[in-house]
Amino acid sequence: MFEPYGPKRLSDMVTGNETWFPFFIIPPKRLNRMATTQSLRELGIQVLPHPAYTPDMAPCDFLLFPIRKDRLAGRKFDRIQDLGKVVNSELRTIPEEDYQGVFRKWPIRLKRCHVEYF
């Protein structure tokens, strides 16, 4: 993308020396995705197909993580055991009805996914 201007221009843009700022046409996302996929294959990394946009499909994606990450944000733990205790404590604060509601609504979320993975 920056080849015509070389690494110096990219460095200037990243570091803030914007004495001259060229106009770049950024390739569409599809081209980026295709280039990334090709690079991964060349490196011998298996690429699994998935939809470009997937709504959160697993209950932990739309119940556990969003709620708990706010309560754990900014906290640091010296040991993994300390983190585990805090996470377990947080999970116990979620009412049983919330878990039940999430699993009742789960089939609706799954219907939003229109891709066969295998």
N, C-alpha and C. Protein backbone atom coordinates (compact mmCIF):
# COMPACT_ATOMS: atom_id res chain seq x y z
N MET A 1 0.82 -1.19 0.00
CA MET A 1 0.00 0.00 0.00
C MET A 1 0.87 1.26 0.00
N PHE A 2 2.00 1.27 0.70
CA PHE A 2 2.85 2.44 0.79
C PHE A 2 4.08 2.34 -0.10
N GLU A 3 4.16 1.31 -0.93
CA GLU A 3 5.37 1.06 -1.71
C GLU A 3 5.83 2.25 -2.55
N PRO A 4 4.94 2.98 -3.25
CA PRO A 4 5.44 4.05 -4.10
C PRO A 4 6.20 5.13 -3.33
N TYR A 5 5.93 5.26 -2.07
CA TYR A 5 6.53 6.32 -1.28
C TYR A 5 7.64 5.80 -0.37
N GLY A 6 7.75 4.51 -0.25
CA GLY A 6 8.82 3.90 0.52
C GLY A 6 8.58 3.96 2.02
N PRO A 7 9.45 3.27 2.77
CA PRO A 7 9.28 3.20 4.22
C PRO A 7 9.44 4.55 4.91
N LYS A 8 10.19 5.47 4.31
CA LYS A 8 10.38 6.79 4.92
C LYS A 8 9.04 7.51 5.06
N ARG A 9 8.21 7.46 4.02
CA ARG A 9 6.92 8.14 4.09
C ARG A 9 6.05 7.52 5.18
N LEU A 10 6.05 6.20 5.27
CA LEU A 10 5.28 5.53 6.31
C LEU A 10 5.79 5.95 7.67
N SER A 11 7.11 6.01 7.83
CA SER A 11 7.70 6.43 9.10
C SER A 11 7.27 7.85 9.44
N ASP A 12 7.28 8.74 8.46
CA ASP A 12 6.87 10.12 8.70
C ASP A 12 5.42 10.19 9.17
N MET A 13 4.57 9.38 8.55
CA MET A 13 3.16 9.41 8.93
C MET A 13 2.96 8.86 10.33
N VAL A 14 3.66 7.79 10.66
CA VAL A 14 3.50 7.16 11.97
C VAL A 14 4.06 8.06 13.07
N THR A 15 5.18 8.72 12.80
CA THR A 15 5.82 9.55 13.83
C THR A 15 5.24 10.95 13.90
N GLY A 16 4.41 11.31 12.95
CA GLY A 16 3.74 12.60 13.02
C GLY A 16 4.40 13.70 12.21
N ASN A 17 5.46 13.42 11.46
CA ASN A 17 6.08 14.43 10.60
C ASN A 17 5.26 14.51 9.33
N GLU A 18 4.20 15.29 9.37
CA GLU A 18 3.25 15.34 8.27
C GLU A 18 3.49 16.55 7.37
N THR A 19 4.76 16.87 7.09
CA THR A 19 5.04 18.00 6.21
C THR A 19 4.50 17.74 4.82
N TRP A 20 4.42 16.51 4.45
CA TRP A 20 3.82 16.13 3.17
C TRP A 20 3.05 14.85 3.42
N PHE A 21 1.79 14.85 3.13
CA PHE A 21 0.96 13.68 3.43
C PHE A 21 0.25 13.24 2.16
N PRO A 22 0.68 12.13 1.57
CA PRO A 22 0.06 11.68 0.32
C PRO A 22 -1.34 11.11 0.55
N PHE A 23 -2.11 11.08 -0.50
CA PHE A 23 -3.42 10.46 -0.47
C PHE A 23 -3.27 9.00 -0.83
N PHE A 24 -3.75 8.13 0.03
CA PHE A 24 -3.65 6.70 -0.23
C PHE A 24 -5.03 6.13 -0.48
N ILE A 25 -5.12 5.28 -1.46
CA ILE A 25 -6.34 4.53 -1.69
C ILE A 25 -6.17 3.19 -1.00
N ILE A 26 -6.90 3.01 0.06
CA ILE A 26 -6.79 1.77 0.82
C ILE A 26 -7.61 0.69 0.12
N PRO A 27 -7.02 -0.47 -0.10
CA PRO A 27 -7.76 -1.53 -0.78
C PRO A 27 -9.01 -1.93 0.02
N PRO A 28 -10.03 -2.36 -0.68
CA PRO A 28 -11.23 -2.82 0.01
C PRO A 28 -10.90 -3.97 0.97
N LYS A 29 -11.76 -4.14 1.95
CA LYS A 29 -11.54 -5.19 2.96
C LYS A 29 -11.38 -6.57 2.33
N ARG A 30 -12.11 -6.81 1.27
CA ARG A 30 -12.02 -8.13 0.62
C ARG A 30 -10.60 -8.39 0.12
N LEU A 31 -9.97 -7.38 -0.48
CA LEU A 31 -8.60 -7.56 -0.96
C LEU A 31 -7.64 -7.78 0.21
N ASN A 32 -7.85 -7.04 1.28
CA ASN A 32 -7.01 -7.24 2.47
C ASN A 32 -7.16 -8.65 3.01
N ARG A 33 -8.42 -9.11 3.08
CA ARG A 33 -8.68 -10.45 3.59
C ARG A 33 -8.02 -11.50 2.71
N MET A 34 -8.15 -11.31 1.39
CA MET A 34 -7.57 -12.28 0.47
C MET A 34 -6.04 -12.30 0.60
N ALA A 35 -5.43 -11.14 0.72
CA ALA A 35 -3.97 -11.07 0.86
C ALA A 35 -3.53 -11.72 2.16
N THR A 36 -4.27 -11.47 3.23
CA THR A 36 -3.93 -12.06 4.52
C THR A 36 -4.07 -13.57 4.47
N THR A 37 -5.16 -14.04 3.89
CA THR A 37 -5.39 -15.49 3.78
C THR A 37 -4.28 -16.14 2.97
N GLN A 38 -3.90 -15.52 1.88
CA GLN A 38 -2.83 -16.07 1.04
C GLN A 38 -1.50 -16.11 1.81
N SER A 39 -1.20 -15.05 2.54
CA SER A 39 0.04 -15.01 3.33
C SER A 39 0.05 -16.10 4.38
N LEU A 40 -1.07 -16.31 5.03
CA LEU A 40 -1.14 -17.36 6.06
C LEU A 40 -0.93 -18.74 5.44
N ARG A 41 -1.55 -18.96 4.29
CA ARG A 41 -1.36 -20.26 3.60
C ARG A 41 0.10 -20.47 3.21
N GLU A 42 0.74 -19.41 2.72
CA GLU A 42 2.16 -19.52 2.35
C GLU A 42 3.03 -19.85 3.56
N LEU A 43 2.60 -19.42 4.73
CA LEU A 43 3.34 -19.72 5.96
C LEU A 43 2.99 -21.10 6.52
N GLY A 44 2.06 -21.79 5.84
CA GLY A 44 1.68 -23.13 6.29
C GLY A 44 0.65 -23.13 7.40
N ILE A 45 -0.05 -22.01 7.57
CA ILE A 45 -1.06 -21.90 8.62
C ILE A 45 -2.42 -22.22 8.00
N GLN A 46 -3.13 -23.18 8.59
CA GLN A 46 -4.44 -23.57 8.08
C GLN A 46 -5.46 -22.49 8.40
N VAL A 47 -6.21 -22.09 7.42
CA VAL A 47 -7.22 -21.05 7.59
C VAL A 47 -8.59 -21.72 7.58
N LEU A 48 -9.35 -21.51 8.65
CA LEU A 48 -10.69 -22.08 8.74
C LEU A 48 -11.70 -21.06 8.23
N PRO A 49 -12.63 -21.48 7.37
CA PRO A 49 -13.61 -20.53 6.85
C PRO A 49 -14.59 -20.10 7.94
N HIS A 50 -14.97 -18.84 7.88
CA HIS A 50 -15.99 -18.31 8.79
C HIS A 50 -16.59 -17.07 8.14
N PRO A 51 -17.79 -16.71 8.54
CA PRO A 51 -18.41 -15.53 7.94
C PRO A 51 -17.64 -14.27 8.31
N ALA A 52 -17.69 -13.27 7.44
CA ALA A 52 -16.99 -12.01 7.70
C ALA A 52 -17.52 -11.35 8.96
N TYR A 53 -18.81 -11.42 9.19
CA TYR A 53 -19.39 -10.88 10.41
C TYR A 53 -20.18 -11.99 11.07
N THR A 54 -19.81 -12.31 12.27
CA THR A 54 -20.53 -13.33 13.02
C THR A 54 -21.02 -12.69 14.31
N PRO A 55 -22.32 -12.64 14.53
CA PRO A 55 -22.77 -12.15 15.82
C PRO A 55 -22.24 -13.08 16.91
N ASP A 56 -22.12 -12.55 18.09
CA ASP A 56 -21.62 -13.39 19.19
C ASP A 56 -22.50 -14.62 19.30
N MET A 57 -21.90 -15.78 19.12
CA MET A 57 -22.67 -17.02 19.04
C MET A 57 -22.67 -17.82 20.33
N ALA A 58 -21.62 -17.75 21.09
CA ALA A 58 -21.53 -18.56 22.30
C ALA A 58 -22.01 -17.75 23.50
N PRO A 59 -22.70 -18.40 24.44
CA PRO A 59 -23.21 -17.67 25.60
C PRO A 59 -22.13 -16.87 26.34
N CYS A 60 -20.92 -17.39 26.39
CA CYS A 60 -19.87 -16.65 27.10
C CYS A 60 -19.55 -15.34 26.37
N ASP A 61 -19.77 -15.29 25.06
CA ASP A 61 -19.49 -14.07 24.30
C ASP A 61 -20.48 -12.96 24.60
N PHE A 62 -21.72 -13.31 24.85
CA PHE A 62 -22.71 -12.26 25.03
C PHE A 62 -23.28 -12.18 26.44
N LEU A 63 -22.84 -13.02 27.35
CA LEU A 63 -23.28 -12.90 28.74
C LEU A 63 -22.10 -12.69 29.66
N LEU A 64 -21.18 -13.60 29.65
CA LEU A 64 -20.11 -13.57 30.64
C LEU A 64 -19.07 -12.48 30.38
N PHE A 65 -18.52 -12.44 29.20
CA PHE A 65 -17.39 -11.54 28.94
C PHE A 65 -17.75 -10.06 29.02
N PRO A 66 -18.82 -9.62 28.37
CA PRO A 66 -19.10 -8.18 28.42
C PRO A 66 -19.35 -7.66 29.83
N ILE A 67 -20.07 -8.43 30.62
CA ILE A 67 -20.39 -7.99 31.97
C ILE A 67 -19.15 -8.02 32.85
N ARG A 68 -18.43 -9.11 32.81
CA ARG A 68 -17.30 -9.31 33.72
C ARG A 68 -16.07 -8.48 33.35
N LYS A 69 -15.87 -8.23 32.06
CA LYS A 69 -14.66 -7.49 31.69
C LYS A 69 -14.71 -6.08 32.26
N ASP A 70 -15.91 -5.51 32.41
CA ASP A 70 -16.01 -4.18 33.00
C ASP A 70 -15.59 -4.20 34.46
N ARG A 71 -15.95 -5.25 35.16
CA ARG A 71 -15.60 -5.33 36.59
C ARG A 71 -14.14 -5.69 36.81
N LEU A 72 -13.52 -6.32 35.83
CA LEU A 72 -12.11 -6.72 35.98
C LEU A 72 -11.15 -5.74 35.32
N ALA A 73 -11.70 -4.77 34.60
CA ALA A 73 -10.85 -3.82 33.87
C ALA A 73 -9.91 -3.08 34.81
N GLY A 74 -8.65 -3.02 34.42
CA GLY A 74 -7.66 -2.28 35.17
C GLY A 74 -7.06 -3.00 36.36
N ARG A 75 -7.57 -4.15 36.69
CA ARG A 75 -7.03 -4.90 37.83
C ARG A 75 -5.88 -5.77 37.37
N LYS A 76 -4.88 -5.92 38.22
CA LYS A 76 -3.72 -6.75 37.90
C LYS A 76 -3.62 -7.87 38.92
N PHE A 77 -3.17 -9.02 38.45
CA PHE A 77 -3.04 -10.19 39.31
C PHE A 77 -1.63 -10.75 39.18
N ASP A 78 -1.03 -11.05 40.32
CA ASP A 78 0.33 -11.59 40.32
C ASP A 78 0.34 -13.08 39.99
N ARG A 79 -0.74 -13.75 40.33
CA ARG A 79 -0.79 -15.20 40.09
C ARG A 79 -2.08 -15.55 39.38
N ILE A 80 -2.01 -16.58 38.56
CA ILE A 80 -3.20 -17.03 37.82
C ILE A 80 -4.28 -17.51 38.80
N GLN A 81 -3.86 -18.05 39.93
CA GLN A 81 -4.82 -18.52 40.94
C GLN A 81 -5.64 -17.35 41.49
N ASP A 82 -4.99 -16.19 41.67
CA ASP A 82 -5.71 -15.02 42.16
C ASP A 82 -6.77 -14.57 41.15
N LEU A 83 -6.40 -14.58 39.89
CA LEU A 83 -7.36 -14.23 38.84
C LEU A 83 -8.52 -15.21 38.84
N GLY A 84 -8.21 -16.50 38.95
CA GLY A 84 -9.25 -17.53 38.97
C GLY A 84 -10.25 -17.33 40.10
N LYS A 85 -9.76 -16.99 41.27
CA LYS A 85 -10.65 -16.77 42.42
C LYS A 85 -11.60 -15.60 42.16
N VAL A 86 -11.05 -14.52 41.62
CA VAL A 86 -11.88 -13.34 41.37
C VAL A 86 -12.91 -13.63 40.27
N VAL A 87 -12.49 -14.30 39.20
CA VAL A 87 -13.42 -14.63 38.12
C VAL A 87 -14.52 -15.55 38.62
N ASN A 88 -14.17 -16.58 39.38
CA ASN A 88 -15.19 -17.48 39.93
C ASN A 88 -16.15 -16.73 40.83
N SER A 89 -15.64 -15.83 41.62
CA SER A 89 -16.49 -15.04 42.49
C SER A 89 -17.46 -14.18 41.67
N GLU A 90 -16.95 -13.57 40.60
CA GLU A 90 -17.79 -12.75 39.73
C GLU A 90 -18.87 -13.59 39.05
N LEU A 91 -18.51 -14.78 38.58
CA LEU A 91 -19.48 -15.63 37.90
C LEU A 91 -20.61 -16.05 38.83
N ARG A 92 -20.30 -16.20 40.09
CA ARG A 92 -21.34 -16.59 41.06
C ARG A 92 -22.35 -15.47 41.31
N THR A 93 -22.01 -14.24 40.93
CA THR A 93 -22.94 -13.13 41.15
C THR A 93 -24.02 -13.06 40.06
N ILE A 94 -23.85 -13.81 38.97
CA ILE A 94 -24.84 -13.79 37.89
C ILE A 94 -26.03 -14.65 38.32
N PRO A 95 -27.22 -14.09 38.34
CA PRO A 95 -28.39 -14.86 38.76
C PRO A 95 -28.67 -16.03 37.82
N GLU A 96 -29.19 -17.10 38.38
CA GLU A 96 -29.51 -18.30 37.61
C GLU A 96 -30.48 -17.98 36.47
N GLU A 97 -31.40 -17.05 36.72
CA GLU A 97 -32.37 -16.68 35.70
C GLU A 97 -31.69 -16.08 34.46
N ASP A 98 -30.59 -15.37 34.67
CA ASP A 98 -29.86 -14.80 33.53
C ASP A 98 -29.28 -15.91 32.66
N TYR A 99 -28.70 -16.91 33.30
CA TYR A 99 -28.17 -18.06 32.54
C TYR A 99 -29.29 -18.74 31.76
N GLN A 100 -30.43 -18.97 32.43
CA GLN A 100 -31.54 -19.64 31.78
C GLN A 100 -32.06 -18.83 30.59
N GLY A 101 -32.16 -17.52 30.75
CA GLY A 101 -32.63 -16.66 29.67
C GLY A 101 -31.70 -16.70 28.47
N VAL A 102 -30.42 -16.70 28.74
CA VAL A 102 -29.43 -16.75 27.66
C VAL A 102 -29.57 -18.04 26.87
N PHE A 103 -29.73 -19.15 27.55
CA PHE A 103 -29.85 -20.42 26.84
C PHE A 103 -31.18 -20.55 26.11
N ARG A 104 -32.24 -19.91 26.63
CA ARG A 104 -33.52 -19.91 25.92
C ARG A 104 -33.41 -19.12 24.61
N LYS A 105 -32.66 -18.02 24.63
CA LYS A 105 -32.53 -17.17 23.45
C LYS A 105 -31.43 -17.63 22.50
N TRP A 106 -30.63 -18.58 22.91
CA TRP A 106 -29.49 -19.02 22.12
C TRP A 106 -29.88 -19.50 20.72
N PRO A 107 -30.96 -20.30 20.56
CA PRO A 107 -31.34 -20.74 19.21
C PRO A 107 -31.62 -19.58 18.26
N ILE A 108 -32.14 -18.48 18.78
CA ILE A 108 -32.40 -17.31 17.93
C ILE A 108 -31.08 -16.75 17.41
N ARG A 109 -30.08 -16.67 18.26
CA ARG A 109 -28.76 -16.19 17.84
C ARG A 109 -28.15 -17.12 16.80
N LEU A 110 -28.30 -18.41 17.03
CA LEU A 110 -27.71 -19.37 16.10
C LEU A 110 -28.35 -19.28 14.72
N LYS A 111 -29.62 -18.93 14.65
CA LYS A 111 -30.29 -18.79 13.36
C LYS A 111 -29.76 -17.61 12.55
N ARG A 112 -29.10 -16.66 13.21
CA ARG A 112 -28.53 -15.51 12.51
C ARG A 112 -27.30 -15.89 11.70
N CYS A 113 -26.72 -17.01 12.00
CA CYS A 113 -25.51 -17.45 11.30
C CYS A 113 -25.94 -18.28 10.10
N HIS A 114 -25.57 -17.84 8.91
CA HIS A 114 -26.01 -18.50 7.68
C HIS A 114 -24.84 -19.16 6.96
N VAL A 115 -23.97 -19.80 7.70
CA VAL A 115 -22.77 -20.40 7.11
C VAL A 115 -22.62 -21.82 7.64
N GLU A 116 -22.24 -22.71 6.76
CA GLU A 116 -21.89 -24.06 7.18
C GLU A 116 -20.39 -24.10 7.36
N TYR A 117 -19.94 -24.50 8.53
CA TYR A 117 -18.52 -24.49 8.81
C TYR A 117 -17.81 -25.71 8.26
N PHE A 118 -18.50 -26.82 8.17
CA PHE A 118 -17.81 -28.05 7.75
C PHE A 118 -18.55 -28.70 6.61
